[in-house]
Amino acid sequence: MLDKFPSKGEQVTVTIDMCDFNKHMNVVYYQHIFEDGCVDFYRSMGFTKEYFKQGYSSFTLEANIRYLKEVREGDHATPHFRLIKISGKLIHYAGIIVDHLGNISSFSEHILAHVDMGLRKTSPMPKYLLDNLDNMLQEHRATGDIGFELKLGIK
């Protein structure tokens, strides 16, 4: 399954402070792991410091997380990401968090909007960014079906 999500993020070790009264990781930390772990994935898409200096960024429009298997104190949690679809202004990607045994503990989807920060509005992506994303999308699609029903989407 990991080959279907080719961009690997930073591994996190679950601490007691991340756990709730059920003695498993609190739901807020799943989002933290997805968010903190996607830095390299975003860079590979083209969202670099140099790109931001040009006055562009991305905003998350929608996100959905499914919790599949609990993660507990001492477990390792590693996010992995994959592009699903792109349009001229939007990016749909998915991620999984895998525990130390290789079990998928959660699945997430996100819709991003490309934003002109001067206007703070959704704007078309430059051709070179779209070309990069399209190449990345083709590489990710070549790994096959992700094996999850998608709840989000872009037209």
C-alpha atoms as a PDB file:
ATOM      1  CA  MET A   1       0.000   0.000   0.000  1.00  0.00           C
ATOM      2  CA  LEU A   2       2.859   2.426   0.729  1.00  0.00           C
ATOM      3  CA  ASP A   3       3.857   2.421  -2.944  1.00  0.00           C
ATOM      4  CA  LYS A   4       0.462   3.996  -3.734  1.00  0.00           C
ATOM      5  CA  PHE A   5       1.411   7.003  -1.546  1.00  0.00           C
ATOM      6  CA  PRO A   6       4.944   7.727  -2.784  1.00  0.00           C
ATOM      7  CA  SER A   7       5.719  10.894  -0.806  1.00  0.00           C
ATOM      8  CA  LYS A   8       6.833   9.996   2.733  1.00  0.00           C
ATOM      9  CA  GLY A   9       6.677  12.491   5.581  1.00  0.00           C
ATOM     10  CA  GLU A  10       8.399  12.665   8.951  1.00  0.00           C
ATOM     11  CA  GLN A  11       7.848   9.845  11.418  1.00  0.00           C
ATOM     12  CA  VAL A  12       6.383  10.848  14.795  1.00  0.00           C
ATOM     13  CA  THR A  13       6.545   8.881  18.031  1.00  0.00           C
ATOM     14  CA  VAL A  14       3.271   9.177  19.926  1.00  0.00           C
ATOM     15  CA  THR A  15       3.780  10.589  23.417  1.00  0.00           C
ATOM     16  CA  ILE A  16       1.501  10.432  26.438  1.00  0.00           C
ATOM     17  CA  ASP A  17       0.709  14.134  25.909  1.00  0.00           C
ATOM     18  CA  MET A  18      -0.759  13.255  22.502  1.00  0.00           C
ATOM     19  CA  CYS A  19      -3.144  10.699  23.993  1.00  0.00           C
ATOM     20  CA  ASP A  20      -6.645  11.251  25.324  1.00  0.00           C
ATOM     21  CA  PHE A  21      -8.618   9.592  28.122  1.00  0.00           C
ATOM     22  CA  ASN A  22      -9.075   6.504  25.912  1.00  0.00           C
ATOM     23  CA  LYS A  23      -5.285   6.078  25.975  1.00  0.00           C
ATOM     24  CA  HIS A  24      -4.936   6.473  22.220  1.00  0.00           C
ATOM     25  CA  MET A  25      -3.825   9.407  20.111  1.00  0.00           C
ATOM     26  CA  ASN A  26      -6.318  12.265  20.226  1.00  0.00           C
ATOM     27  CA  VAL A  27      -7.878  13.153  16.864  1.00  0.00           C
ATOM     28  CA  VAL A  28      -6.266  16.605  16.810  1.00  0.00           C
ATOM     29  CA  TYR A  29      -2.825  14.995  16.465  1.00  0.00           C
ATOM     30  CA  TYR A  30      -3.759  13.135  13.289  1.00  0.00           C
ATOM     31  CA  GLN A  31      -4.224  16.515  11.630  1.00  0.00           C
ATOM     32  CA  HIS A  32      -0.915  17.690  13.115  1.00  0.00           C
ATOM     33  CA  ILE A  33       0.894  14.668  11.677  1.00  0.00           C
ATOM     34  CA  PHE A  34      -0.674  15.190   8.247  1.00  0.00           C
ATOM     35  CA  GLU A  35       0.042  18.922   8.342  1.00  0.00           C
ATOM     36  CA  ASP A  36       3.573  18.795   9.735  1.00  0.00           C
ATOM     37  CA  GLY A  37       4.478  15.775   7.633  1.00  0.00           C
ATOM     38  CA  CYS A  38       3.554  17.248   4.261  1.00  0.00           C
ATOM     39  CA  VAL A  39       6.351  19.835   4.034  1.00  0.00           C
ATOM     40  CA  ASP A  40       8.472  17.819   1.579  1.00  0.00           C
ATOM     41  CA  PHE A  41       5.353  16.818  -0.376  1.00  0.00           C
ATOM     42  CA  TYR A  42       4.380  20.494  -0.766  1.00  0.00           C
ATOM     43  CA  ARG A  43       7.915  21.377  -1.853  1.00  0.00           C
ATOM     44  CA  SER A  44       7.861  18.603  -4.454  1.00  0.00           C
ATOM     45  CA  MET A  45       4.586  20.042  -5.783  1.00  0.00           C
ATOM     46  CA  GLY A  46       6.385  23.375  -6.229  1.00  0.00           C
ATOM     47  CA  PHE A  47       5.320  25.252  -3.109  1.00  0.00           C
ATOM     48  CA  THR A  48       8.791  26.442  -2.127  1.00  0.00           C
ATOM     49  CA  LYS A  49      10.016  29.581  -0.357  1.00  0.00           C
ATOM     50  CA  GLU A  50      10.950  30.988  -3.764  1.00  0.00           C
ATOM     51  CA  TYR A  51       7.421  30.361  -5.023  1.00  0.00           C
ATOM     52  CA  PHE A  52       5.887  32.102  -2.009  1.00  0.00           C
ATOM     53  CA  LYS A  53       8.159  35.115  -2.625  1.00  0.00           C
ATOM     54  CA  GLN A  54       6.451  35.464  -6.020  1.00  0.00           C
ATOM     55  CA  GLY A  55       3.220  36.237  -4.162  1.00  0.00           C
ATOM     56  CA  TYR A  56       1.515  32.850  -4.403  1.00  0.00           C
ATOM     57  CA  SER A  57       0.456  30.252  -1.865  1.00  0.00           C
ATOM     58  CA  SER A  58      -2.250  27.669  -1.263  1.00  0.00           C
ATOM     59  CA  PHE A  59      -5.194  27.563   1.105  1.00  0.00           C
ATOM     60  CA  THR A  60      -6.940  24.402   2.256  1.00  0.00           C
ATOM     61  CA  LEU A  61     -10.599  24.571   1.240  1.00  0.00           C
ATOM     62  CA  GLU A  62     -11.735  21.214   2.581  1.00  0.00           C
ATOM     63  CA  ALA A  63     -10.344  18.242   4.462  1.00  0.00           C
ATOM     64  CA  ASN A  64     -11.675  14.869   5.520  1.00  0.00           C
ATOM     65  CA  ILE A  65      -9.985  12.406   7.883  1.00  0.00           C
ATOM     66  CA  ARG A  66     -11.041   8.818   8.494  1.00  0.00           C
ATOM     67  CA  TYR A  67      -9.789   7.094  11.625  1.00  0.00           C
ATOM     68  CA  LEU A  68      -9.219   3.420  10.876  1.00  0.00           C
ATOM     69  CA  LYS A  69      -7.050   1.987  13.645  1.00  0.00           C
ATOM     70  CA  GLU A  70      -5.990   3.479  16.939  1.00  0.00           C
ATOM     71  CA  VAL A  71      -2.440   4.647  17.549  1.00  0.00           C
ATOM     72  CA  ARG A  72      -1.170   4.515  21.122  1.00  0.00           C
ATOM     73  CA  GLU A  73       1.654   5.909  23.231  1.00  0.00           C
ATOM     74  CA  GLY A  74       5.022   4.699  21.978  1.00  0.00           C
ATOM     75  CA  ASP A  75       3.734   3.850  18.498  1.00  0.00           C
ATOM     76  CA  HIS A  76       5.358   5.414  15.470  1.00  0.00           C
ATOM     77  CA  ALA A  77       3.113   7.256  13.019  1.00  0.00           C
ATOM     78  CA  THR A  78       4.365   8.144   9.537  1.00  0.00           C
ATOM     79  CA  PRO A  79       2.386  10.122   6.955  1.00  0.00           C
ATOM     80  CA  HIS A  80       2.521   9.324   3.228  1.00  0.00           C
ATOM     81  CA  PHE A  81       0.938  11.405   0.447  1.00  0.00           C
ATOM     82  CA  ARG A  82      -0.298  11.171  -3.116  1.00  0.00           C
ATOM     83  CA  LEU A  83      -1.794  13.533  -5.682  1.00  0.00           C
ATOM     84  CA  ILE A  84      -5.289  12.559  -6.803  1.00  0.00           C
ATOM     85  CA  LYS A  85      -6.344  15.266  -9.265  1.00  0.00           C
ATOM     86  CA  ILE A  86      -5.462  18.803 -10.335  1.00  0.00           C
ATOM     87  CA  SER A  87      -7.219  21.589 -12.195  1.00  0.00           C
ATOM     88  CA  GLY A  88      -6.087  25.078 -13.153  1.00  0.00           C
ATOM     89  CA  LYS A  89      -6.733  26.395  -9.634  1.00  0.00           C
ATOM     90  CA  LEU A  90      -7.231  23.350  -7.388  1.00  0.00           C
ATOM     91  CA  ILE A  91      -5.278  20.369  -6.054  1.00  0.00           C
ATOM     92  CA  HIS A  92      -6.809  17.208  -4.581  1.00  0.00           C
ATOM     93  CA  TYR A  93      -4.436  15.016  -2.607  1.00  0.00           C
ATOM     94  CA  ALA A  94      -4.716  12.161  -0.137  1.00  0.00           C
ATOM     95  CA  GLY A  95      -2.618  10.891   2.700  1.00  0.00           C
ATOM     96  CA  ILE A  96      -2.330   7.938   5.019  1.00  0.00           C
ATOM     97  CA  ILE A  97      -0.739   7.557   8.424  1.00  0.00           C
ATOM     98  CA  VAL A  98       0.987   4.230   8.906  1.00  0.00           C
ATOM     99  CA  ASP A  99       1.840   2.852  12.331  1.00  0.00           C
ATOM    100  CA  HIS A 100       5.070   1.090  13.300  1.00  0.00           C
ATOM    101  CA  LEU A 101       3.668  -2.286  12.179  1.00  0.00           C
ATOM    102  CA  GLY A 102       2.706  -1.004   8.733  1.00  0.00           C
ATOM    103  CA  ASN A 103      -1.009  -0.740   9.518  1.00  0.00           C
ATOM    104  CA  ILE A 104      -2.913   2.207   8.087  1.00  0.00           C
ATOM    105  CA  SER A 105      -4.330   4.111  11.028  1.00  0.00           C
ATOM    106  CA  SER A 106      -5.978   6.920   9.085  1.00  0.00           C
ATOM    107  CA  PHE A 107      -6.773   8.230   5.615  1.00  0.00           C
ATOM    108  CA  SER A 108      -7.189  11.887   4.712  1.00  0.00           C
ATOM    109  CA  GLU A 109      -8.139  13.948   1.691  1.00  0.00           C
ATOM    110  CA  HIS A 110      -7.530  17.628   1.104  1.00  0.00           C
ATOM    111  CA  ILE A 111      -8.595  20.161  -1.501  1.00  0.00           C
ATOM    112  CA  LEU A 112      -6.183  23.061  -1.931  1.00  0.00           C
ATOM    113  CA  ALA A 113      -6.779  26.301  -3.796  1.00  0.00           C
ATOM    114  CA  HIS A 114      -3.931  28.127  -5.493  1.00  0.00           C
ATOM    115  CA  VAL A 115      -3.991  31.693  -4.140  1.00  0.00           C
ATOM    116  CA  ASP A 116      -2.686  35.041  -5.329  1.00  0.00           C
ATOM    117  CA  MET A 117      -1.634  36.510  -1.990  1.00  0.00           C
ATOM    118  CA  GLY A 118      -1.832  40.081  -3.247  1.00  0.00           C
ATOM    119  CA  LEU A 119      -5.553  39.605  -3.857  1.00  0.00           C
ATOM    120  CA  ARG A 120      -6.004  36.795  -1.301  1.00  0.00           C
ATOM    121  CA  LYS A 121      -8.166  35.039  -3.866  1.00  0.00           C
ATOM    122  CA  THR A 122      -8.065  31.782  -5.741  1.00  0.00           C
ATOM    123  CA  SER A 123      -6.093  32.238  -8.943  1.00  0.00           C
ATOM    124  CA  PRO A 124      -4.859  30.170 -11.900  1.00  0.00           C
ATOM    125  CA  MET A 125      -1.559  28.381 -11.368  1.00  0.00           C
ATOM    126  CA  PRO A 126       1.374  29.372 -13.571  1.00  0.00           C
ATOM    127  CA  LYS A 127       2.041  26.918 -16.405  1.00  0.00           C
ATOM    128  CA  TYR A 128       5.344  25.698 -14.967  1.00  0.00           C
ATOM    129  CA  LEU A 129       3.629  24.792 -11.669  1.00  0.00           C
ATOM    130  CA  LEU A 130       0.813  23.008 -13.495  1.00  0.00           C
ATOM    131  CA  ASP A 131       3.351  21.138 -15.633  1.00  0.00           C
ATOM    132  CA  ASN A 132       5.230  20.026 -12.508  1.00  0.00           C
ATOM    133  CA  LEU A 133       2.000  18.926 -10.838  1.00  0.00           C
ATOM    134  CA  ASP A 134       0.892  17.071 -13.966  1.00  0.00           C
ATOM    135  CA  ASN A 135       4.197  15.155 -14.108  1.00  0.00           C
ATOM    136  CA  MET A 136       3.894  14.307 -10.431  1.00  0.00           C
ATOM    137  CA  LEU A 137       0.263  13.258 -10.902  1.00  0.00           C
ATOM    138  CA  GLN A 138       1.199  10.873 -13.722  1.00  0.00           C
ATOM    139  CA  GLU A 139       3.932   9.316 -11.556  1.00  0.00           C
ATOM    140  CA  HIS A 140       1.518   8.860  -8.667  1.00  0.00           C
ATOM    141  CA  ARG A 141      -1.245   7.437 -10.861  1.00  0.00           C
ATOM    142  CA  ALA A 142       1.213   4.902 -12.273  1.00  0.00           C
ATOM    143  CA  THR A 143       1.288   3.237  -8.841  1.00  0.00           C
ATOM    144  CA  GLY A 144      -2.338   2.118  -9.322  1.00  0.00           C
ATOM    145  CA  ASP A 145      -5.619   2.562  -7.487  1.00  0.00           C
ATOM    146  CA  ILE A 146      -5.339   3.859  -3.924  1.00  0.00           C
ATOM    147  CA  GLY A 147      -7.849   1.413  -2.502  1.00  0.00           C
ATOM    148  CA  PHE A 148      -9.966   4.035  -0.720  1.00  0.00           C
ATOM    149  CA  GLU A 149     -13.301   5.539  -1.666  1.00  0.00           C
ATOM    150  CA  LEU A 150     -12.859   9.262  -2.156  1.00  0.00           C
ATOM    151  CA  LYS A 151     -15.252  11.613  -0.374  1.00  0.00           C
ATOM    152  CA  LEU A 152     -13.901  14.846  -1.841  1.00  0.00           C
ATOM    153  CA  GLY A 153     -13.234  15.861  -5.398  1.00  0.00           C
ATOM    154  CA  ILE A 154     -12.687  18.604  -7.932  1.00  0.00           C
ATOM    155  CA  LYS A 155     -14.348  18.959 -11.308  1.00  0.00           C
END
